[in-house]
Amino acid sequence: MDTRDEMTMNVELVTDLLEERHWTWADLAREMGINKSTMNRVVRDETRPGAKFIFALIRVFPDDAPNLFVEAPSRKDPAVA
């Protein structure tokens, strides 16, 4: 089973961490070395974070690593109503 499909970023925690550092989401994307559009899609839960994203976020916030990701809500297949 691919656990990446079951986890998503803990946006509430990361928002708090950004506020502590006076950073924007764009600042975080730059620190992580990822595209701002990728960051936006993960924040809006439009896509799950990939390995590069996961490792980069942990690199930026190592002390908070155990809490940076949470179980994602199940996604319903729009074809199944």
PDB file of N, CA and C in Angstrom:
ATOM      1  N   MET A   1       0.848  -1.192   0.000  1.00  0.00           N
ATOM      2  CA  MET A   1       0.000   0.000   0.000  1.00  0.00           C
ATOM      3  C   MET A   1       0.880   1.236   0.000  1.00  0.00           C
ATOM      4  N   ASP A   2       0.535   2.220  -0.763  1.00  0.00           N
ATOM      5  CA  ASP A   2       1.298   3.458  -0.861  1.00  0.00           C
ATOM      6  C   ASP A   2       0.799   4.414   0.217  1.00  0.00           C
ATOM      7  N   THR A   3       1.591   4.593   1.297  1.00  0.00           N
ATOM      8  CA  THR A   3       1.148   5.432   2.403  1.00  0.00           C
ATOM      9  C   THR A   3       1.042   6.893   2.007  1.00  0.00           C
ATOM     10  N   ARG A   4       1.741   7.305   0.939  1.00  0.00           N
ATOM     11  CA  ARG A   4       1.654   8.687   0.491  1.00  0.00           C
ATOM     12  C   ARG A   4       0.219   9.040   0.141  1.00  0.00           C
ATOM     13  N   ASP A   5      -0.550   8.079  -0.353  1.00  0.00           N
ATOM     14  CA  ASP A   5      -1.946   8.328  -0.710  1.00  0.00           C
ATOM     15  C   ASP A   5      -2.834   8.466   0.514  1.00  0.00           C
ATOM     16  N   GLU A   6      -2.317   8.106   1.680  1.00  0.00           N
ATOM     17  CA  GLU A   6      -3.127   8.134   2.884  1.00  0.00           C
ATOM     18  C   GLU A   6      -2.785   9.297   3.801  1.00  0.00           C
ATOM     19  N   MET A   7      -1.725  10.028   3.487  1.00  0.00           N
ATOM     20  CA  MET A   7      -1.288  11.121   4.341  1.00  0.00           C
ATOM     21  C   MET A   7      -1.337  12.439   3.573  1.00  0.00           C
ATOM     22  N   THR A   8      -1.555  13.492   4.319  1.00  0.00           N
ATOM     23  CA  THR A   8      -1.515  14.832   3.740  1.00  0.00           C
ATOM     24  C   THR A   8      -0.822  15.753   4.736  1.00  0.00           C
ATOM     25  N   MET A   9      -0.434  16.896   4.283  1.00  0.00           N
ATOM     26  CA  MET A   9       0.260  17.838   5.149  1.00  0.00           C
ATOM     27  C   MET A   9      -0.689  18.357   6.226  1.00  0.00           C
ATOM     28  N   ASN A  10      -0.157  18.493   7.416  1.00  0.00           N
ATOM     29  CA  ASN A  10      -0.901  19.074   8.528  1.00  0.00           C
ATOM     30  C   ASN A  10      -0.856  20.603   8.352  1.00  0.00           C
ATOM     31  N   VAL A  11      -1.803  21.114   7.583  1.00  0.00           N
ATOM     32  CA  VAL A  11      -1.799  22.529   7.196  1.00  0.00           C
ATOM     33  C   VAL A  11      -1.892  23.437   8.419  1.00  0.00           C
ATOM     34  N   GLU A  12      -2.662  23.039   9.407  1.00  0.00           N
ATOM     35  CA  GLU A  12      -2.808  23.867  10.613  1.00  0.00           C
ATOM     36  C   GLU A  12      -1.460  24.039  11.317  1.00  0.00           C
ATOM     37  N   LEU A  13      -0.739  22.945  11.504  1.00  0.00           N
ATOM     38  CA  LEU A  13       0.567  23.014  12.159  1.00  0.00           C
ATOM     39  C   LEU A  13       1.554  23.818  11.319  1.00  0.00           C
ATOM     40  N   VAL A  14       1.612  23.534  10.031  1.00  0.00           N
ATOM     41  CA  VAL A  14       2.568  24.237   9.176  1.00  0.00           C
ATOM     42  C   VAL A  14       2.245  25.732   9.126  1.00  0.00           C
ATOM     43  N   THR A  15       0.975  26.086   9.128  1.00  0.00           N
ATOM     44  CA  THR A  15       0.591  27.493   9.177  1.00  0.00           C
ATOM     45  C   THR A  15       1.147  28.151  10.441  1.00  0.00           C
ATOM     46  N   ASP A  16       1.020  27.468  11.570  1.00  0.00           N
ATOM     47  CA  ASP A  16       1.567  27.994  12.828  1.00  0.00           C
ATOM     48  C   ASP A  16       3.083  28.161  12.754  1.00  0.00           C
ATOM     49  N   LEU A  17       3.757  27.171  12.169  1.00  0.00           N
ATOM     50  CA  LEU A  17       5.211  27.242  12.038  1.00  0.00           C
ATOM     51  C   LEU A  17       5.624  28.407  11.141  1.00  0.00           C
ATOM     52  N   LEU A  18       4.855  28.622  10.083  1.00  0.00           N
ATOM     53  CA  LEU A  18       5.141  29.750   9.191  1.00  0.00           C
ATOM     54  C   LEU A  18       4.960  31.080   9.920  1.00  0.00           C
ATOM     55  N   GLU A  19       3.899  31.184  10.694  1.00  0.00           N
ATOM     56  CA  GLU A  19       3.636  32.422  11.432  1.00  0.00           C
ATOM     57  C   GLU A  19       4.757  32.707  12.428  1.00  0.00           C
ATOM     58  N   GLU A  20       5.269  31.662  13.091  1.00  0.00           N
ATOM     59  CA  GLU A  20       6.369  31.834  14.043  1.00  0.00           C
ATOM     60  C   GLU A  20       7.607  32.415  13.365  1.00  0.00           C
ATOM     61  N   ARG A  21       7.799  32.047  12.116  1.00  0.00           N
ATOM     62  CA  ARG A  21       8.989  32.484  11.378  1.00  0.00           C
ATOM     63  C   ARG A  21       8.726  33.715  10.505  1.00  0.00           C
ATOM     64  N   HIS A  22       7.474  34.190  10.505  1.00  0.00           N
ATOM     65  CA  HIS A  22       7.079  35.312   9.648  1.00  0.00           C
ATOM     66  C   HIS A  22       7.339  34.984   8.180  1.00  0.00           C
ATOM     67  N   TRP A  23       6.999  33.741   7.803  1.00  0.00           N
ATOM     68  CA  TRP A  23       7.165  33.264   6.433  1.00  0.00           C
ATOM     69  C   TRP A  23       5.807  33.176   5.754  1.00  0.00           C
ATOM     70  N   THR A  24       5.821  33.259   4.441  1.00  0.00           N
ATOM     71  CA  THR A  24       4.638  32.986   3.628  1.00  0.00           C
ATOM     72  C   THR A  24       4.760  31.568   3.081  1.00  0.00           C
ATOM     73  N   TRP A  25       3.692  31.106   2.444  1.00  0.00           N
ATOM     74  CA  TRP A  25       3.751  29.798   1.781  1.00  0.00           C
ATOM     75  C   TRP A  25       4.790  29.830   0.660  1.00  0.00           C
ATOM     76  N   ALA A  26       4.931  30.979   0.009  1.00  0.00           N
ATOM     77  CA  ALA A  26       5.938  31.118  -1.047  1.00  0.00           C
ATOM     78  C   ALA A  26       7.345  31.010  -0.465  1.00  0.00           C
ATOM     79  N   ASP A  27       7.555  31.586   0.722  1.00  0.00           N
ATOM     80  CA  ASP A  27       8.858  31.459   1.388  1.00  0.00           C
ATOM     81  C   ASP A  27       9.162  29.984   1.675  1.00  0.00           C
ATOM     82  N   LEU A  28       8.162  29.279   2.156  1.00  0.00           N
ATOM     83  CA  LEU A  28       8.355  27.861   2.460  1.00  0.00           C
ATOM     84  C   LEU A  28       8.665  27.078   1.192  1.00  0.00           C
ATOM     85  N   ALA A  29       7.938  27.336   0.126  1.00  0.00           N
ATOM     86  CA  ALA A  29       8.202  26.652  -1.139  1.00  0.00           C
ATOM     87  C   ALA A  29       9.644  26.878  -1.579  1.00  0.00           C
ATOM     88  N   ARG A  30      10.100  28.108  -1.458  1.00  0.00           N
ATOM     89  CA  ARG A  30      11.482  28.438  -1.839  1.00  0.00           C
ATOM     90  C   ARG A  30      12.476  27.679  -0.952  1.00  0.00           C
ATOM     91  N   GLU A  31      12.237  27.658   0.359  1.00  0.00           N
ATOM     92  CA  GLU A  31      13.120  26.937   1.290  1.00  0.00           C
ATOM     93  C   GLU A  31      13.147  25.438   0.986  1.00  0.00           C
ATOM     94  N   MET A  32      12.021  24.918   0.527  1.00  0.00           N
ATOM     95  CA  MET A  32      11.914  23.489   0.221  1.00  0.00           C
ATOM     96  C   MET A  32      12.449  23.155  -1.163  1.00  0.00           C
ATOM     97  N   GLY A  33      12.607  24.178  -2.001  1.00  0.00           N
ATOM     98  CA  GLY A  33      13.060  23.942  -3.362  1.00  0.00           C
ATOM     99  C   GLY A  33      11.989  23.342  -4.253  1.00  0.00           C
ATOM    100  N   ILE A  34      10.731  23.718  -3.968  1.00  0.00           N
ATOM    101  CA  ILE A  34       9.631  23.222  -4.790  1.00  0.00           C
ATOM    102  C   ILE A  34       8.901  24.392  -5.440  1.00  0.00           C
ATOM    103  N   ASN A  35       8.094  24.087  -6.411  1.00  0.00           N
ATOM    104  CA  ASN A  35       7.307  25.062  -7.148  1.00  0.00           C
ATOM    105  C   ASN A  35       6.171  25.575  -6.271  1.00  0.00           C
ATOM    106  N   LYS A  36       5.888  26.880  -6.352  1.00  0.00           N
ATOM    107  CA  LYS A  36       4.780  27.448  -5.573  1.00  0.00           C
ATOM    108  C   LYS A  36       3.442  26.813  -5.930  1.00  0.00           C
ATOM    109  N   SER A  37       3.261  26.444  -7.187  1.00  0.00           N
ATOM    110  CA  SER A  37       1.985  25.841  -7.573  1.00  0.00           C
ATOM    111  C   SER A  37       1.824  24.462  -6.931  1.00  0.00           C
ATOM    112  N   THR A  38       2.918  23.745  -6.780  1.00  0.00           N
ATOM    113  CA  THR A  38       2.853  22.453  -6.078  1.00  0.00           C
ATOM    114  C   THR A  38       2.453  22.673  -4.630  1.00  0.00           C
ATOM    115  N   MET A  39       3.064  23.674  -4.002  1.00  0.00           N
ATOM    116  CA  MET A  39       2.722  23.990  -2.614  1.00  0.00           C
ATOM    117  C   MET A  39       1.239  24.323  -2.507  1.00  0.00           C
ATOM    118  N   ASN A  40       0.732  25.153  -3.401  1.00  0.00           N
ATOM    119  CA  ASN A  40      -0.677  25.542  -3.360  1.00  0.00           C
ATOM    120  C   ASN A  40      -1.599  24.344  -3.507  1.00  0.00           C
ATOM    121  N   ARG A  41      -1.265  23.417  -4.404  1.00  0.00           N
ATOM    122  CA  ARG A  41      -2.113  22.233  -4.598  1.00  0.00           C
ATOM    123  C   ARG A  41      -2.126  21.349  -3.356  1.00  0.00           C
ATOM    124  N   VAL A  42      -0.984  21.215  -2.686  1.00  0.00           N
ATOM    125  CA  VAL A  42      -0.935  20.409  -1.460  1.00  0.00           C
ATOM    126  C   VAL A  42      -1.720  21.104  -0.351  1.00  0.00           C
ATOM    127  N   VAL A  43      -1.535  22.409  -0.207  1.00  0.00           N
ATOM    128  CA  VAL A  43      -2.245  23.161   0.841  1.00  0.00           C
ATOM    129  C   VAL A  43      -3.752  23.068   0.643  1.00  0.00           C
ATOM    130  N   ARG A  44      -4.209  23.142  -0.604  1.00  0.00           N
ATOM    131  CA  ARG A  44      -5.650  23.067  -0.901  1.00  0.00           C
ATOM    132  C   ARG A  44      -6.152  21.627  -0.968  1.00  0.00           C
ATOM    133  N   ASP A  45      -5.275  20.673  -0.680  1.00  0.00           N
ATOM    134  CA  ASP A  45      -5.610  19.241  -0.688  1.00  0.00           C
ATOM    135  C   ASP A  45      -6.098  18.779  -2.053  1.00  0.00           C
ATOM    136  N   GLU A  46      -5.528  19.382  -3.094  1.00  0.00           N
ATOM    137  CA  GLU A  46      -5.854  18.959  -4.453  1.00  0.00           C
ATOM    138  C   GLU A  46      -4.944  17.830  -4.914  1.00  0.00           C
ATOM    139  N   THR A  47      -3.812  17.666  -4.220  1.00  0.00           N
ATOM    140  CA  THR A  47      -2.878  16.585  -4.519  1.00  0.00           C
ATOM    141  C   THR A  47      -2.199  16.178  -3.228  1.00  0.00           C
ATOM    142  N   ARG A  48      -1.746  14.954  -3.184  1.00  0.00           N
ATOM    143  CA  ARG A  48      -1.011  14.464  -2.022  1.00  0.00           C
ATOM    144  C   ARG A  48       0.468  14.801  -2.203  1.00  0.00           C
ATOM    145  N   PRO A  49       1.162  15.048  -1.100  1.00  0.00           N
ATOM    146  CA  PRO A  49       2.583  15.356  -1.209  1.00  0.00           C
ATOM    147  C   PRO A  49       3.383  14.135  -1.661  1.00  0.00           C
ATOM    148  N   GLY A  50       4.311  14.368  -2.576  1.00  0.00           N
ATOM    149  CA  GLY A  50       5.196  13.312  -3.046  1.00  0.00           C
ATOM    150  C   GLY A  50       6.435  13.228  -2.170  1.00  0.00           C
ATOM    151  N   ALA A  51       7.316  12.293  -2.494  1.00  0.00           N
ATOM    152  CA  ALA A  51       8.513  12.050  -1.687  1.00  0.00           C
ATOM    153  C   ALA A  51       9.385  13.299  -1.572  1.00  0.00           C
ATOM    154  N   LYS A  52       9.608  14.005  -2.678  1.00  0.00           N
ATOM    155  CA  LYS A  52      10.449  15.213  -2.639  1.00  0.00           C
ATOM    156  C   LYS A  52       9.851  16.238  -1.676  1.00  0.00           C
ATOM    157  N   PHE A  53       8.545  16.425  -1.757  1.00  0.00           N
ATOM    158  CA  PHE A  53       7.849  17.373  -0.889  1.00  0.00           C
ATOM    159  C   PHE A  53       7.994  16.945   0.568  1.00  0.00           C
ATOM    160  N   ILE A  54       7.735  15.683   0.843  1.00  0.00           N
ATOM    161  CA  ILE A  54       7.778  15.165   2.218  1.00  0.00           C
ATOM    162  C   ILE A  54       9.166  15.357   2.820  1.00  0.00           C
ATOM    163  N   PHE A  55      10.200  14.921   2.102  1.00  0.00           N
ATOM    164  CA  PHE A  55      11.555  15.035   2.626  1.00  0.00           C
ATOM    165  C   PHE A  55      11.978  16.493   2.793  1.00  0.00           C
ATOM    166  N   ALA A  56      11.565  17.355   1.877  1.00  0.00           N
ATOM    167  CA  ALA A  56      11.927  18.766   1.971  1.00  0.00           C
ATOM    168  C   ALA A  56      11.245  19.431   3.164  1.00  0.00           C
ATOM    169  N   LEU A  57       9.993  19.110   3.414  1.00  0.00           N
ATOM    170  CA  LEU A  57       9.285  19.705   4.553  1.00  0.00           C
ATOM    171  C   LEU A  57       9.917  19.243   5.865  1.00  0.00           C
ATOM    172  N   ILE A  58      10.275  17.979   5.943  1.00  0.00           N
ATOM    173  CA  ILE A  58      10.945  17.466   7.136  1.00  0.00           C
ATOM    174  C   ILE A  58      12.311  18.126   7.314  1.00  0.00           C
ATOM    175  N   ARG A  59      13.016  18.375   6.213  1.00  0.00           N
ATOM    176  CA  ARG A  59      14.320  19.047   6.292  1.00  0.00           C
ATOM    177  C   ARG A  59      14.165  20.464   6.856  1.00  0.00           C
ATOM    178  N   VAL A  60      13.098  21.163   6.458  1.00  0.00           N
ATOM    179  CA  VAL A  60      12.875  22.537   6.921  1.00  0.00           C
ATOM    180  C   VAL A  60      12.413  22.563   8.376  1.00  0.00           C
ATOM    181  N   PHE A  61      11.574  21.597   8.767  1.00  0.00           N
ATOM    182  CA  PHE A  61      11.017  21.568  10.129  1.00  0.00           C
ATOM    183  C   PHE A  61      11.323  20.226  10.808  1.00  0.00           C
ATOM    184  N   PRO A  62      12.591  19.884  11.024  1.00  0.00           N
ATOM    185  CA  PRO A  62      12.927  18.560  11.558  1.00  0.00           C
ATOM    186  C   PRO A  62      12.365  18.287  12.954  1.00  0.00           C
ATOM    187  N   ASP A  63      12.285  19.289  13.800  1.00  0.00           N
ATOM    188  CA  ASP A  63      11.783  19.074  15.161  1.00  0.00           C
ATOM    189  C   ASP A  63      10.302  18.719  15.188  1.00  0.00           C
ATOM    190  N   ASP A  64       9.592  19.073  14.134  1.00  0.00           N
ATOM    191  CA  ASP A  64       8.148  18.826  14.077  1.00  0.00           C
ATOM    192  C   ASP A  64       7.795  17.663  13.151  1.00  0.00           C
ATOM    193  N   ALA A  65       8.807  16.945  12.682  1.00  0.00           N
ATOM    194  CA  ALA A  65       8.598  15.884  11.684  1.00  0.00           C
ATOM    195  C   ALA A  65       7.471  14.914  12.022  1.00  0.00           C
ATOM    196  N   PRO A  66       7.352  14.435  13.258  1.00  0.00           N
ATOM    197  CA  PRO A  66       6.296  13.451  13.535  1.00  0.00           C
ATOM    198  C   PRO A  66       4.873  13.974  13.339  1.00  0.00           C
ATOM    199  N   ASN A  67       4.721  15.294  13.342  1.00  0.00           N
ATOM    200  CA  ASN A  67       3.375  15.878  13.273  1.00  0.00           C
ATOM    201  C   ASN A  67       3.090  16.632  11.982  1.00  0.00           C
ATOM    202  N   LEU A  68       4.028  16.630  11.053  1.00  0.00           N
ATOM    203  CA  LEU A  68       3.857  17.411   9.822  1.00  0.00           C
ATOM    204  C   LEU A  68       2.813  16.833   8.875  1.00  0.00           C
ATOM    205  N   PHE A  69       2.514  15.552   9.040  1.00  0.00           N
ATOM    206  CA  PHE A  69       1.558  14.897   8.151  1.00  0.00           C
ATOM    207  C   PHE A  69       0.493  14.198   8.975  1.00  0.00           C
ATOM    208  N   VAL A  70      -0.712  14.205   8.453  1.00  0.00           N
ATOM    209  CA  VAL A  70      -1.857  13.589   9.118  1.00  0.00           C
ATOM    210  C   VAL A  70      -2.573  12.679   8.127  1.00  0.00           C
ATOM    211  N   GLU A  71      -3.390  11.807   8.657  1.00  0.00           N
ATOM    212  CA  GLU A  71      -4.167  10.929   7.787  1.00  0.00           C
ATOM    213  C   GLU A  71      -5.115  11.775   6.935  1.00  0.00           C
ATOM    214  N   ALA A  72      -5.101  11.493   5.666  1.00  0.00           N
ATOM    215  CA  ALA A  72      -5.946  12.240   4.737  1.00  0.00           C
ATOM    216  C   ALA A  72      -7.361  11.698   4.754  1.00  0.00           C
ATOM    217  N   PRO A  73      -8.343  12.579   4.611  1.00  0.00           N
ATOM    218  CA  PRO A  73      -9.716  12.094   4.486  1.00  0.00           C
ATOM    219  C   PRO A  73      -9.833  11.280   3.193  1.00  0.00           C
ATOM    220  N   SER A  74     -10.673  10.290   3.226  1.00  0.00           N
ATOM    221  CA  SER A  74     -10.819   9.476   2.000  1.00  0.00           C
ATOM    222  C   SER A  74     -11.415  10.328   0.898  1.00  0.00           C
ATOM    223  N   ARG A  75     -10.911  10.091  -0.284  1.00  0.00           N
ATOM    224  CA  ARG A  75     -11.419  10.817  -1.462  1.00  0.00           C
ATOM    225  C   ARG A  75     -12.456   9.962  -2.126  1.00  0.00           C
ATOM    226  N   LYS A  76     -13.593  10.551  -2.365  1.00  0.00           N
ATOM    227  CA  LYS A  76     -14.670   9.829  -3.037  1.00  0.00           C
ATOM    228  C   LYS A  76     -14.481   9.929  -4.532  1.00  0.00           C
ATOM    229  N   ASP A  77     -14.735   8.846  -5.212  1.00  0.00           N
ATOM    230  CA  ASP A  77     -14.644   8.821  -6.663  1.00  0.00           C
ATOM    231  C   ASP A  77     -15.859   9.553  -7.205  1.00  0.00           C
ATOM    232  N   PRO A  78     -15.661  10.660  -7.958  1.00  0.00           N
ATOM    233  CA  PRO A  78     -16.807  11.420  -8.464  1.00  0.00           C
ATOM    234  C   PRO A  78     -17.690  10.601  -9.398  1.00  0.00           C
ATOM    235  N   ALA A  79     -17.164   9.523  -9.958  1.00  0.00           N
ATOM    236  CA  ALA A  79     -17.970   8.687 -10.841  1.00  0.00           C
ATOM    237  C   ALA A  79     -18.938   7.820 -10.056  1.00  0.00           C
ATOM    238  N   VAL A  80     -18.674   7.656  -8.764  1.00  0.00           N
ATOM    239  CA  VAL A  80     -19.537   6.842  -7.916  1.00  0.00           C
ATOM    240  C   VAL A  80     -20.336   7.780  -7.039  1.00  0.00           C
ATOM    241  N   ALA A  81     -21.597   7.902  -7.331  1.00  0.00           N
ATOM    242  CA  ALA A  81     -22.429   8.829  -6.563  1.00  0.00           C
ATOM    243  C   ALA A  81     -23.385   8.093  -5.676  1.00  0.00           C
TER     244      ALA A  81
END
